[in-house]
């Protein structure tokens, strides 16, 4: 069984669908409202657990109802949340306005995530040291991301850095070199400007060291979360000891499954669903 350590984010999305975006001082009546689990770290942890991995997550949530719901999610999905920090503040939340054209405007408040420090990673180090794979993203303070990769490097643990979301702030010097695999999308890869091991390309599949691995057929309805599904499956396959070209194919299969569903958590495949999709891939 693959052991996957995840250092990443959890948050809640509050989505408002409305005909148009209100102007300054204006109040509109919207058409729909929903809340959903968000955060690349949590998404990828749940995705890896659904694929049969033993998963432990380091993140931070507040002492609010959103934090309560996070722990319910992780318990239901079999994610070890014993390292998650519960802080006397608010859980990360994002308000998303979606107009009738599908255009989105988002405001996010990091809340408890902003309080994560490298010392919290050091406390989590025993789990990283015994994992097969570390998964980390850029929705946390950079010092935390850097330390997580350094701990994995110190213990010869394979690490995957999903460099998303990419900001204009320069990344810490030497951080990228600590990761065994970088998994940006094409836009992120162009911005990073270094030699990239894996580049996800949506409906065009993915590149592994510039070799294209084709996407699997999918009746796409929503691309949201495809990258998280890819990274989770890629990590589990590597943790199972599969070669990285096969691991990329696993990632592509998980992404294909995801885009056929609305909602990230709902769209993350189980092991059986992934293997069924892979069984249709020509040898």
C-alpha atoms as a PDB file:
ATOM      1  CA  UNK A   1       0.000   0.000   0.000  1.00  0.00           C
ATOM      2  CA  UNK A   2       1.315   3.431  -0.941  1.00  0.00           C
ATOM      3  CA  UNK A   3       1.957   5.844   1.948  1.00  0.00           C
ATOM      4  CA  UNK A   4       1.379   9.443   0.871  1.00  0.00           C
ATOM      5  CA  UNK A   5       2.113  12.485   3.020  1.00  0.00           C
ATOM      6  CA  UNK A   6       0.328  15.677   1.970  1.00  0.00           C
ATOM      7  CA  UNK A   7       1.249  19.180   3.105  1.00  0.00           C
ATOM      8  CA  UNK A   8      -1.379  21.491   1.700  1.00  0.00           C
ATOM      9  CA  UNK A   9      -4.476  23.584   2.049  1.00  0.00           C
ATOM     10  CA  UNK A  10      -8.089  23.162   3.024  1.00  0.00           C
ATOM     11  CA  UNK A  11     -10.770  25.752   2.480  1.00  0.00           C
ATOM     12  CA  UNK A  12     -14.416  26.260   1.692  1.00  0.00           C
ATOM     13  CA  UNK A  13     -15.820  27.783  -1.471  1.00  0.00           C
ATOM     14  CA  UNK A  14     -18.995  29.857  -1.318  1.00  0.00           C
ATOM     15  CA  UNK A  15     -20.272  30.192  -4.865  1.00  0.00           C
ATOM     16  CA  UNK A  16     -22.939  32.699  -5.891  1.00  0.00           C
ATOM     17  CA  UNK A  17     -24.456  32.472  -9.367  1.00  0.00           C
ATOM     18  CA  UNK A  18     -25.972  35.708 -10.626  1.00  0.00           C
ATOM     19  CA  UNK A  19     -26.952  37.288 -13.937  1.00  0.00           C
ATOM     20  CA  UNK A  20     -24.258  39.918 -13.576  1.00  0.00           C
ATOM     21  CA  UNK A  21     -21.755  41.198 -11.060  1.00  0.00           C
ATOM     22  CA  UNK A  22     -23.149  43.955  -8.806  1.00  0.00           C
ATOM     23  CA  UNK A  23     -21.722  47.436  -8.996  1.00  0.00           C
ATOM     24  CA  UNK A  24     -20.380  49.433  -6.057  1.00  0.00           C
ATOM     25  CA  UNK A  25     -23.027  49.725  -3.337  1.00  0.00           C
ATOM     26  CA  UNK A  26     -25.486  47.547  -5.281  1.00  0.00           C
ATOM     27  CA  UNK A  27     -27.288  44.446  -3.978  1.00  0.00           C
ATOM     28  CA  UNK A  28     -28.509  41.800  -6.420  1.00  0.00           C
ATOM     29  CA  UNK A  29     -30.680  38.727  -5.993  1.00  0.00           C
ATOM     30  CA  UNK A  30     -28.770  35.724  -7.294  1.00  0.00           C
ATOM     31  CA  UNK A  31     -30.011  32.495  -8.855  1.00  0.00           C
ATOM     32  CA  UNK A  32     -28.015  29.805  -7.027  1.00  0.00           C
ATOM     33  CA  UNK A  33     -25.731  29.364  -4.028  1.00  0.00           C
ATOM     34  CA  UNK A  34     -23.604  26.428  -2.917  1.00  0.00           C
ATOM     35  CA  UNK A  35     -20.736  25.622  -0.595  1.00  0.00           C
ATOM     36  CA  UNK A  36     -18.108  23.012  -1.307  1.00  0.00           C
ATOM     37  CA  UNK A  37     -14.853  21.624   0.038  1.00  0.00           C
ATOM     38  CA  UNK A  38     -11.805  23.253  -1.526  1.00  0.00           C
ATOM     39  CA  UNK A  39      -8.050  23.362  -1.149  1.00  0.00           C
ATOM     40  CA  UNK A  40      -5.590  21.499  -3.341  1.00  0.00           C
ATOM     41  CA  UNK A  41      -3.991  19.733  -0.398  1.00  0.00           C
ATOM     42  CA  UNK A  42      -7.240  18.320   0.926  1.00  0.00           C
ATOM     43  CA  UNK A  43      -8.488  17.442  -2.568  1.00  0.00           C
ATOM     44  CA  UNK A  44      -5.302  15.544  -3.355  1.00  0.00           C
ATOM     45  CA  UNK A  45      -5.317  13.797   0.023  1.00  0.00           C
ATOM     46  CA  UNK A  46      -8.893  12.602  -0.507  1.00  0.00           C
ATOM     47  CA  UNK A  47      -8.041  11.579  -4.065  1.00  0.00           C
ATOM     48  CA  UNK A  48      -5.087   9.480  -2.923  1.00  0.00           C
ATOM     49  CA  UNK A  49      -7.115   7.837  -0.148  1.00  0.00           C
ATOM     50  CA  UNK A  50      -9.872   6.873  -2.599  1.00  0.00           C
ATOM     51  CA  UNK A  51      -7.243   5.118  -4.674  1.00  0.00           C
ATOM     52  CA  UNK A  52      -6.267   2.963  -1.718  1.00  0.00           C
ATOM     53  CA  UNK A  53      -3.296   4.844  -0.289  1.00  0.00           C
ATOM     54  CA  UNK A  54      -2.580   5.410   3.382  1.00  0.00           C
ATOM     55  CA  UNK A  55      -2.698   9.207   3.593  1.00  0.00           C
ATOM     56  CA  UNK A  56      -1.776  11.686   6.306  1.00  0.00           C
ATOM     57  CA  UNK A  57      -2.503  15.397   5.840  1.00  0.00           C
ATOM     58  CA  UNK A  58      -0.889  18.473   7.370  1.00  0.00           C
ATOM     59  CA  UNK A  59      -3.003  21.601   7.049  1.00  0.00           C
ATOM     60  CA  UNK A  60      -4.743  24.108   9.334  1.00  0.00           C
ATOM     61  CA  UNK A  61      -8.397  24.960   9.897  1.00  0.00           C
ATOM     62  CA  UNK A  62     -10.246  27.242  12.264  1.00  0.00           C
ATOM     63  CA  UNK A  63     -12.479  26.533  15.231  1.00  0.00           C
ATOM     64  CA  UNK A  64     -15.591  27.180  13.180  1.00  0.00           C
ATOM     65  CA  UNK A  65     -18.261  25.189  11.401  1.00  0.00           C
ATOM     66  CA  UNK A  66     -16.152  24.961   8.258  1.00  0.00           C
ATOM     67  CA  UNK A  67     -13.414  23.288  10.283  1.00  0.00           C
ATOM     68  CA  UNK A  68     -15.946  20.828  11.700  1.00  0.00           C
ATOM     69  CA  UNK A  69     -17.056  19.897   8.180  1.00  0.00           C
ATOM     70  CA  UNK A  70     -13.452  19.372   7.107  1.00  0.00           C
ATOM     71  CA  UNK A  71     -12.861  16.763   9.802  1.00  0.00           C
ATOM     72  CA  UNK A  72     -16.103  15.007   8.863  1.00  0.00           C
ATOM     73  CA  UNK A  73     -14.902  14.827   5.253  1.00  0.00           C
ATOM     74  CA  UNK A  74     -11.504  13.392   6.148  1.00  0.00           C
ATOM     75  CA  UNK A  75     -12.992  10.823   8.509  1.00  0.00           C
ATOM     76  CA  UNK A  76     -15.469   9.684   5.852  1.00  0.00           C
ATOM     77  CA  UNK A  77     -12.732   9.408   3.217  1.00  0.00           C
ATOM     78  CA  UNK A  78     -10.158   7.622   5.381  1.00  0.00           C
ATOM     79  CA  UNK A  79      -7.624  10.468   5.502  1.00  0.00           C
ATOM     80  CA  UNK A  80      -5.495  10.592   8.670  1.00  0.00           C
ATOM     81  CA  UNK A  81      -6.117  14.119   9.979  1.00  0.00           C
ATOM     82  CA  UNK A  82      -4.299  13.683  13.290  1.00  0.00           C
ATOM     83  CA  UNK A  83      -1.674  16.247  12.235  1.00  0.00           C
ATOM     84  CA  UNK A  84      -4.193  18.909  11.162  1.00  0.00           C
ATOM     85  CA  UNK A  85      -3.950  22.062  13.267  1.00  0.00           C
ATOM     86  CA  UNK A  86      -7.132  23.471  14.799  1.00  0.00           C
ATOM     87  CA  UNK A  87      -6.461  27.163  15.427  1.00  0.00           C
ATOM     88  CA  UNK A  88      -8.570  29.869  17.153  1.00  0.00           C
ATOM     89  CA  UNK A  89      -9.322  31.648  13.899  1.00  0.00           C
ATOM     90  CA  UNK A  90     -11.344  31.134  10.713  1.00  0.00           C
ATOM     91  CA  UNK A  91     -10.963  28.379   8.152  1.00  0.00           C
ATOM     92  CA  UNK A  92      -9.801  29.530   4.721  1.00  0.00           C
ATOM     93  CA  UNK A  93     -12.793  30.604   2.633  1.00  0.00           C
ATOM     94  CA  UNK A  94     -13.340  31.938  -0.864  1.00  0.00           C
ATOM     95  CA  UNK A  95     -16.332  33.834  -2.216  1.00  0.00           C
ATOM     96  CA  UNK A  96     -16.856  33.143  -5.918  1.00  0.00           C
ATOM     97  CA  UNK A  97     -19.198  35.238  -8.050  1.00  0.00           C
ATOM     98  CA  UNK A  98     -20.201  33.557 -11.307  1.00  0.00           C
ATOM     99  CA  UNK A  99     -22.147  35.562 -13.888  1.00  0.00           C
ATOM    100  CA  UNK A 100     -24.391  34.184 -16.642  1.00  0.00           C
ATOM    101  CA  UNK A 101     -21.447  34.002 -19.078  1.00  0.00           C
ATOM    102  CA  UNK A 102     -19.547  31.756 -16.663  1.00  0.00           C
ATOM    103  CA  UNK A 103     -17.006  34.460 -15.827  1.00  0.00           C
ATOM    104  CA  UNK A 104     -15.709  34.111 -12.258  1.00  0.00           C
ATOM    105  CA  UNK A 105     -14.536  36.675  -9.726  1.00  0.00           C
ATOM    106  CA  UNK A 106     -13.039  35.344  -6.509  1.00  0.00           C
ATOM    107  CA  UNK A 107     -11.977  36.753  -3.155  1.00  0.00           C
ATOM    108  CA  UNK A 108     -10.132  34.353  -0.829  1.00  0.00           C
ATOM    109  CA  UNK A 109      -9.103  34.826   2.793  1.00  0.00           C
ATOM    110  CA  UNK A 110      -6.382  32.373   3.929  1.00  0.00           C
ATOM    111  CA  UNK A 111      -7.464  32.331   7.574  1.00  0.00           C
ATOM    112  CA  UNK A 112      -5.787  29.524   9.523  1.00  0.00           C
ATOM    113  CA  UNK A 113      -3.490  28.616   6.622  1.00  0.00           C
ATOM    114  CA  UNK A 114      -1.532  31.837   7.129  1.00  0.00           C
ATOM    115  CA  UNK A 115      -0.495  30.627  10.596  1.00  0.00           C
ATOM    116  CA  UNK A 116       1.301  27.518   9.337  1.00  0.00           C
ATOM    117  CA  UNK A 117       5.056  27.651   9.960  1.00  0.00           C
ATOM    118  CA  UNK A 118       8.110  25.492   9.154  1.00  0.00           C
ATOM    119  CA  UNK A 119       8.077  24.266  12.770  1.00  0.00           C
ATOM    120  CA  UNK A 120       4.742  22.583  12.062  1.00  0.00           C
ATOM    121  CA  UNK A 121       6.399  20.705   9.199  1.00  0.00           C
ATOM    122  CA  UNK A 122       9.201  19.611  11.527  1.00  0.00           C
ATOM    123  CA  UNK A 123       6.587  18.128  13.863  1.00  0.00           C
ATOM    124  CA  UNK A 124       5.123  16.289  10.840  1.00  0.00           C
ATOM    125  CA  UNK A 125       8.578  15.104   9.717  1.00  0.00           C
ATOM    126  CA  UNK A 126       8.247  11.544  11.107  1.00  0.00           C
ATOM    127  CA  UNK A 127       5.284  10.968   8.783  1.00  0.00           C
ATOM    128  CA  UNK A 128       7.115  12.430   5.772  1.00  0.00           C
ATOM    129  CA  UNK A 129      10.183  10.325   6.566  1.00  0.00           C
ATOM    130  CA  UNK A 130       8.194   7.077   6.432  1.00  0.00           C
ATOM    131  CA  UNK A 131       6.075   7.958   3.393  1.00  0.00           C
ATOM    132  CA  UNK A 132       6.681   6.707  -0.119  1.00  0.00           C
ATOM    133  CA  UNK A 133       5.672  10.059  -1.607  1.00  0.00           C
ATOM    134  CA  UNK A 134       5.205  13.651  -0.425  1.00  0.00           C
ATOM    135  CA  UNK A 135       2.624  15.835  -2.182  1.00  0.00           C
ATOM    136  CA  UNK A 136       2.788  19.618  -1.730  1.00  0.00           C
ATOM    137  CA  UNK A 137       1.280  22.652  -3.492  1.00  0.00           C
ATOM    138  CA  UNK A 138       1.622  26.461  -3.351  1.00  0.00           C
ATOM    139  CA  UNK A 139      -1.501  27.430  -1.376  1.00  0.00           C
ATOM    140  CA  UNK A 140       0.551  27.702   1.828  1.00  0.00           C
ATOM    141  CA  UNK A 141       3.247  30.118   3.051  1.00  0.00           C
ATOM    142  CA  UNK A 142       6.332  29.507   0.884  1.00  0.00           C
ATOM    143  CA  UNK A 143       8.527  28.805   3.915  1.00  0.00           C
ATOM    144  CA  UNK A 144       6.236  25.882   4.781  1.00  0.00           C
ATOM    145  CA  UNK A 145       6.364  24.472   1.246  1.00  0.00           C
ATOM    146  CA  UNK A 146      10.149  24.860   1.157  1.00  0.00           C
ATOM    147  CA  UNK A 147      10.604  23.097   4.495  1.00  0.00           C
ATOM    148  CA  UNK A 148       8.337  20.200   3.503  1.00  0.00           C
ATOM    149  CA  UNK A 149      10.372  19.580   0.355  1.00  0.00           C
ATOM    150  CA  UNK A 150      13.607  19.865   2.335  1.00  0.00           C
ATOM    151  CA  UNK A 151      12.454  17.266   4.873  1.00  0.00           C
ATOM    152  CA  UNK A 152      11.533  14.848   2.081  1.00  0.00           C
ATOM    153  CA  UNK A 153      14.907  15.468   0.436  1.00  0.00           C
ATOM    154  CA  UNK A 154      16.740  14.832   3.724  1.00  0.00           C
ATOM    155  CA  UNK A 155      15.000  11.470   4.095  1.00  0.00           C
ATOM    156  CA  UNK A 156      15.243  10.436   0.408  1.00  0.00           C
ATOM    157  CA  UNK A 157      11.469  10.489   0.046  1.00  0.00           C
ATOM    158  CA  UNK A 158      10.084  11.069  -3.440  1.00  0.00           C
ATOM    159  CA  UNK A 159       8.419  14.491  -3.574  1.00  0.00           C
ATOM    160  CA  UNK A 160       5.903  16.006  -5.967  1.00  0.00           C
ATOM    161  CA  UNK A 161       5.481  19.773  -6.098  1.00  0.00           C
ATOM    162  CA  UNK A 162       2.302  20.884  -7.816  1.00  0.00           C
ATOM    163  CA  UNK A 163       3.277  24.557  -8.366  1.00  0.00           C
ATOM    164  CA  UNK A 164      -0.231  25.964  -8.248  1.00  0.00           C
ATOM    165  CA  UNK A 165      -1.501  28.531  -7.886  1.00  0.00           C
ATOM    166  CA  UNK A 166       1.557  30.366  -9.210  1.00  0.00           C
ATOM    167  CA  UNK A 167       1.868  33.968  -8.052  1.00  0.00           C
ATOM    168  CA  UNK A 168       4.099  36.804  -9.228  1.00  0.00           C
ATOM    169  CA  UNK A 169       6.178  36.481  -6.052  1.00  0.00           C
ATOM    170  CA  UNK A 170       9.502  34.758  -6.845  1.00  0.00           C
ATOM    171  CA  UNK A 171       9.814  31.252  -5.457  1.00  0.00           C
ATOM    172  CA  UNK A 172      12.504  30.700  -2.790  1.00  0.00           C
ATOM    173  CA  UNK A 173      15.900  30.030  -4.312  1.00  0.00           C
ATOM    174  CA  UNK A 174      16.651  26.331  -4.544  1.00  0.00           C
ATOM    175  CA  UNK A 175      13.128  25.184  -3.702  1.00  0.00           C
ATOM    176  CA  UNK A 176      12.224  23.736  -7.090  1.00  0.00           C
ATOM    177  CA  UNK A 177      15.417  21.694  -7.165  1.00  0.00           C
ATOM    178  CA  UNK A 178      14.356  19.849  -4.007  1.00  0.00           C
ATOM    179  CA  UNK A 179      11.344  18.271  -5.730  1.00  0.00           C
ATOM    180  CA  UNK A 180      11.677  14.999  -7.608  1.00  0.00           C
ATOM    181  CA  UNK A 181       8.712  15.910  -9.802  1.00  0.00           C
ATOM    182  CA  UNK A 182       7.124  19.231 -10.747  1.00  0.00           C
ATOM    183  CA  UNK A 183       3.574  18.947 -12.107  1.00  0.00           C
ATOM    184  CA  UNK A 184       2.498  22.332 -13.492  1.00  0.00           C
ATOM    185  CA  UNK A 185       0.000  22.917 -16.250  1.00  0.00           C
ATOM    186  CA  UNK A 186       1.241  24.458 -19.493  1.00  0.00           C
ATOM    187  CA  UNK A 187       0.743  28.054 -18.310  1.00  0.00           C
ATOM    188  CA  UNK A 188       2.546  27.426 -15.023  1.00  0.00           C
ATOM    189  CA  UNK A 189       5.383  25.598 -16.784  1.00  0.00           C
ATOM    190  CA  UNK A 190       5.990  28.560 -19.091  1.00  0.00           C
ATOM    191  CA  UNK A 191       6.078  30.943 -16.126  1.00  0.00           C
ATOM    192  CA  UNK A 192       8.467  28.789 -14.082  1.00  0.00           C
ATOM    193  CA  UNK A 193      10.943  28.600 -16.932  1.00  0.00           C
ATOM    194  CA  UNK A 194      12.988  25.634 -15.684  1.00  0.00           C
ATOM    195  CA  UNK A 195      13.272  22.051 -16.870  1.00  0.00           C
ATOM    196  CA  UNK A 196       9.957  20.432 -15.933  1.00  0.00           C
ATOM    197  CA  UNK A 197       9.496  16.693 -15.461  1.00  0.00           C
ATOM    198  CA  UNK A 198       5.704  16.542 -15.926  1.00  0.00           C
ATOM    199  CA  UNK A 199       3.401  19.071 -17.619  1.00  0.00           C
ATOM    200  CA  UNK A 200      -0.362  18.515 -17.529  1.00  0.00           C
ATOM    201  CA  UNK A 201      -2.146  19.574 -20.728  1.00  0.00           C
ATOM    202  CA  UNK A 202      -5.834  18.972 -20.071  1.00  0.00           C
ATOM    203  CA  UNK A 203      -7.574  17.319 -22.990  1.00  0.00           C
ATOM    204  CA  UNK A 204      -4.175  16.875 -24.696  1.00  0.00           C
ATOM    205  CA  UNK A 205      -2.900  14.592 -21.937  1.00  0.00           C
ATOM    206  CA  UNK A 206       0.454  15.229 -20.266  1.00  0.00           C
ATOM    207  CA  UNK A 207       4.146  15.456 -21.073  1.00  0.00           C
ATOM    208  CA  UNK A 208       6.752  13.381 -19.255  1.00  0.00           C
ATOM    209  CA  UNK A 209      10.214  14.767 -19.968  1.00  0.00           C
ATOM    210  CA  UNK A 210       8.784  16.286 -23.177  1.00  0.00           C
ATOM    211  CA  UNK A 211       7.264  12.976 -24.319  1.00  0.00           C
ATOM    212  CA  UNK A 212       3.513  13.293 -24.855  1.00  0.00           C
ATOM    213  CA  UNK A 213       1.230  10.810 -23.083  1.00  0.00           C
ATOM    214  CA  UNK A 214      -2.205  11.078 -24.647  1.00  0.00           C
ATOM    215  CA  UNK A 215      -5.303  11.924 -22.663  1.00  0.00           C
ATOM    216  CA  UNK A 216      -7.926   9.253 -22.173  1.00  0.00           C
ATOM    217  CA  UNK A 217     -11.328   9.802 -23.820  1.00  0.00           C
ATOM    218  CA  UNK A 218     -13.752  11.748 -21.651  1.00  0.00           C
ATOM    219  CA  UNK A 219     -17.157  13.390 -22.048  1.00  0.00           C
ATOM    220  CA  UNK A 220     -16.078  16.545 -20.253  1.00  0.00           C
ATOM    221  CA  UNK A 221     -18.604  18.673 -18.373  1.00  0.00           C
ATOM    222  CA  UNK A 222     -16.380  20.513 -15.858  1.00  0.00           C
ATOM    223  CA  UNK A 223     -12.558  20.761 -15.801  1.00  0.00           C
ATOM    224  CA  UNK A 224     -12.440  21.887 -12.157  1.00  0.00           C
ATOM    225  CA  UNK A 225     -10.226  19.640 -10.044  1.00  0.00           C
ATOM    226  CA  UNK A 226      -8.659  17.705 -12.913  1.00  0.00           C
ATOM    227  CA  UNK A 227      -5.187  18.732 -11.777  1.00  0.00           C
ATOM    228  CA  UNK A 228      -5.863  17.554  -8.230  1.00  0.00           C
ATOM    229  CA  UNK A 229      -7.123  14.195  -9.501  1.00  0.00           C
ATOM    230  CA  UNK A 230      -4.019  13.878 -11.698  1.00  0.00           C
ATOM    231  CA  UNK A 231      -1.605  14.603  -8.849  1.00  0.00           C
ATOM    232  CA  UNK A 232      -3.335  12.225  -6.445  1.00  0.00           C
ATOM    233  CA  UNK A 233      -3.242   9.334  -8.906  1.00  0.00           C
ATOM    234  CA  UNK A 234       0.316  10.138 -10.013  1.00  0.00           C
ATOM    235  CA  UNK A 235       1.463  10.053  -6.372  1.00  0.00           C
ATOM    236  CA  UNK A 236      -0.312   6.780  -5.569  1.00  0.00           C
ATOM    237  CA  UNK A 237       1.083   5.070  -8.653  1.00  0.00           C
ATOM    238  CA  UNK A 238       4.622   6.159  -7.769  1.00  0.00           C
ATOM    239  CA  UNK A 239       4.029   5.044  -4.186  1.00  0.00           C
ATOM    240  CA  UNK A 240       2.939   1.644  -5.485  1.00  0.00           C
ATOM    241  CA  UNK A 241       6.305   1.371  -7.248  1.00  0.00           C
ATOM    242  CA  UNK A 242       5.066   1.921 -10.794  1.00  0.00           C
ATOM    243  CA  UNK A 243       7.403   3.562 -13.353  1.00  0.00           C
ATOM    244  CA  UNK A 244       6.757   7.243 -13.877  1.00  0.00           C
ATOM    245  CA  UNK A 245       5.385   6.858 -17.411  1.00  0.00           C
ATOM    246  CA  UNK A 246       2.725   4.507 -16.052  1.00  0.00           C
ATOM    247  CA  UNK A 247       2.140   6.896 -13.142  1.00  0.00           C
ATOM    248  CA  UNK A 248       1.462   9.735 -15.600  1.00  0.00           C
ATOM    249  CA  UNK A 249      -1.053   7.503 -17.378  1.00  0.00           C
ATOM    250  CA  UNK A 250      -2.768   6.939 -14.026  1.00  0.00           C
ATOM    251  CA  UNK A 251      -2.894  10.691 -13.589  1.00  0.00           C
ATOM    252  CA  UNK A 252      -4.423  11.176 -17.026  1.00  0.00           C
ATOM    253  CA  UNK A 253      -7.041   8.506 -16.287  1.00  0.00           C
ATOM    254  CA  UNK A 254      -7.983  10.185 -13.006  1.00  0.00           C
ATOM    255  CA  UNK A 255      -8.221  13.558 -14.716  1.00  0.00           C
ATOM    256  CA  UNK A 256     -10.461  12.084 -17.418  1.00  0.00           C
ATOM    257  CA  UNK A 257     -12.773  10.686 -14.752  1.00  0.00           C
ATOM    258  CA  UNK A 258     -12.877  13.998 -12.907  1.00  0.00           C
ATOM    259  CA  UNK A 259     -13.898  16.150 -15.875  1.00  0.00           C
ATOM    260  CA  UNK A 260     -16.976  13.986 -16.437  1.00  0.00           C
ATOM    261  CA  UNK A 261     -18.397  15.131 -13.089  1.00  0.00           C
ATOM    262  CA  UNK A 262     -19.545  18.332 -11.435  1.00  0.00           C
ATOM    263  CA  UNK A 263     -17.814  18.995  -8.119  1.00  0.00           C
ATOM    264  CA  UNK A 264     -14.280  18.048  -7.130  1.00  0.00           C
ATOM    265  CA  UNK A 265     -14.969  15.656  -4.252  1.00  0.00           C
ATOM    266  CA  UNK A 266     -17.740  13.939  -6.209  1.00  0.00           C
ATOM    267  CA  UNK A 267     -15.468  13.540  -9.220  1.00  0.00           C
ATOM    268  CA  UNK A 268     -12.416  11.961  -7.571  1.00  0.00           C
ATOM    269  CA  UNK A 269     -12.292   8.328  -8.751  1.00  0.00           C
ATOM    270  CA  UNK A 270     -12.114   5.208  -6.623  1.00  0.00           C
ATOM    271  CA  UNK A 271      -9.471   2.572  -7.318  1.00  0.00           C
ATOM    272  CA  UNK A 272     -12.033   0.384  -9.075  1.00  0.00           C
ATOM    273  CA  UNK A 273     -13.200   3.257 -11.283  1.00  0.00           C
ATOM    274  CA  UNK A 274      -9.630   4.154 -12.226  1.00  0.00           C
ATOM    275  CA  UNK A 275      -8.664   0.577 -13.011  1.00  0.00           C
ATOM    276  CA  UNK A 276     -11.792   0.151 -15.142  1.00  0.00           C
ATOM    277  CA  UNK A 277     -10.837   3.203 -17.192  1.00  0.00           C
ATOM    278  CA  UNK A 278      -7.230   2.044 -17.511  1.00  0.00           C
ATOM    279  CA  UNK A 279      -8.385  -1.390 -18.685  1.00  0.00           C
ATOM    280  CA  UNK A 280      -9.645   0.240 -21.887  1.00  0.00           C
ATOM    281  CA  UNK A 281      -6.241   1.724 -22.736  1.00  0.00           C
ATOM    282  CA  UNK A 282      -4.578  -0.149 -25.636  1.00  0.00           C
ATOM    283  CA  UNK A 283      -1.435  -2.013 -24.586  1.00  0.00           C
END
